[in-house]
Every structure is written in structure tokens, then in C-alpha cells.
Amino acid sequence: MSVIWTLIIGLLAGALAKLIMPGKDPGGIIITILIGIAGSFIFTYLGKFLGIYEEGEAAGFIGATIGAIILLAIYRMFLKKRTA
């Protein structure tokens, strides 16, 4: 059940990250939502590693959003380097 919860939080976090960091992305909202899901998973496992979350707990909405924003910024950096 925690994987499904992490997916749902990541979906919402990706959408919020797109609202916070507007701009033209080649993949649009779909890629941003996938990045949000990845950010949610990364922050869940990073939080477990650091002892912030217990086993079976998923990253909170704020953590997932921060993860999505960080991954979106990295994604945009790589795209600018690739197109330049």
C-alpha cells in the first residue's frame, strides 16, 4: 500500500512542482508528473536512510514536492546543455 501512496503523493507533487516552476518543458506536464513521482520515491528512500521516516512510511507531500522541484531543476539543466 505504501507504494501506491507514494505514487499518489508523487503525482500531486509533480503537478505542484510544475505550478511552482512554470516554463516550457519538452515533455510537458506528463514528464513533470513522472519527475514528481521519482522525487517522491527518492525522498522516501532517502528519508528512510537518514532515519526521518520509519519502515512503511512514505515521504510527505512537502518532501515529495521538494524532491520534484530539485529533479525538475536538474532535468532543465541537462536539457539546456544538450540543446546548446
Protein backbone atom coordinates (compact mmCIF):
# COMPACT_ATOMS: atom_id res chain seq x y z
CA MET A 1 0.00 0.00 0.00
CA SER A 2 2.89 2.40 0.66
CA VAL A 3 3.98 2.21 -2.99
CA ILE A 4 0.53 3.29 -4.15
CA TRP A 5 0.51 6.11 -1.60
CA THR A 6 3.98 7.22 -2.79
CA LEU A 7 2.70 7.26 -6.40
CA ILE A 8 -0.31 9.37 -5.46
CA ILE A 9 1.78 11.83 -3.46
CA GLY A 10 4.32 11.98 -6.31
CA LEU A 11 1.58 12.67 -8.84
CA LEU A 12 0.30 15.61 -6.82
CA ALA A 13 3.82 16.82 -6.02
CA GLY A 14 4.75 16.79 -9.70
CA ALA A 15 1.72 18.86 -10.58
CA LEU A 16 2.56 21.34 -7.80
CA ALA A 17 6.20 21.50 -8.92
CA LYS A 18 5.00 22.43 -12.41
CA LEU A 19 2.93 25.25 -10.91
CA ILE A 20 5.85 26.46 -8.78
CA MET A 21 8.38 26.26 -11.64
CA PRO A 22 6.47 27.29 -14.74
CA GLY A 23 8.21 27.13 -18.05
CA LYS A 24 8.29 25.24 -21.25
CA ASP A 25 9.37 21.65 -20.81
CA PRO A 26 9.67 19.34 -23.82
CA GLY A 27 7.67 16.63 -22.10
CA GLY A 28 5.08 18.95 -20.64
CA ILE A 29 3.02 18.06 -17.61
CA ILE A 30 3.40 14.29 -18.13
CA ILE A 31 7.19 14.39 -17.72
CA THR A 32 6.84 16.77 -14.78
CA ILE A 33 4.44 14.42 -13.04
CA LEU A 34 6.79 11.49 -13.67
CA ILE A 35 9.60 13.58 -12.19
CA GLY A 36 7.34 14.25 -9.19
CA ILE A 37 6.79 10.53 -8.73
CA ALA A 38 10.56 9.96 -8.95
CA GLY A 39 11.14 12.75 -6.42
CA SER A 40 8.65 11.16 -4.07
CA PHE A 41 10.38 7.78 -4.28
CA ILE A 42 13.83 9.34 -3.87
CA PHE A 43 12.77 11.32 -0.80
CA THR A 44 11.03 8.27 0.67
CA TYR A 45 14.16 6.13 0.46
CA LEU A 46 16.48 9.00 1.40
CA GLY A 47 14.29 9.72 4.42
CA LYS A 48 14.39 6.07 5.46
CA PHE A 49 18.18 6.04 5.06
CA LEU A 50 18.54 9.18 7.18
CA GLY A 51 16.08 7.92 9.78
CA ILE A 52 13.42 10.55 9.08
CA TYR A 53 10.80 8.03 8.00
CA GLU A 54 10.03 4.66 9.55
CA GLU A 55 9.74 1.45 7.54
CA GLY A 56 6.48 1.52 5.61
CA GLU A 57 6.16 5.32 5.72
CA ALA A 58 6.20 7.33 2.52
CA ALA A 59 7.64 10.78 2.00
CA GLY A 60 5.33 13.56 3.00
CA PHE A 61 3.80 15.87 0.47
CA ILE A 62 6.29 18.65 1.20
CA GLY A 63 9.27 16.31 0.87
CA ALA A 64 7.97 14.89 -2.38
CA THR A 65 7.37 18.39 -3.75
CA ILE A 66 10.90 19.46 -2.81
CA GLY A 67 12.23 16.31 -4.49
CA ALA A 68 10.20 17.05 -7.61
CA ILE A 69 11.43 20.65 -7.76
CA ILE A 70 15.05 19.53 -7.38
CA LEU A 71 14.69 16.87 -10.07
CA LEU A 72 12.88 19.28 -12.38
CA ALA A 73 15.69 21.83 -12.00
CA ILE A 74 18.29 19.14 -12.77
CA TYR A 75 16.23 17.97 -15.76
CA ARG A 76 16.08 21.51 -17.14
CA MET A 77 19.84 21.99 -16.63
CA PHE A 78 20.60 18.87 -18.66
CA LEU A 79 18.18 19.87 -21.40
CA LYS A 80 19.78 23.30 -21.75
CA LYS A 81 23.25 21.75 -22.03
CA ARG A 82 22.05 19.22 -24.57
CA THR A 83 20.34 21.76 -26.82
CA ALA A 84 23.15 24.32 -26.60
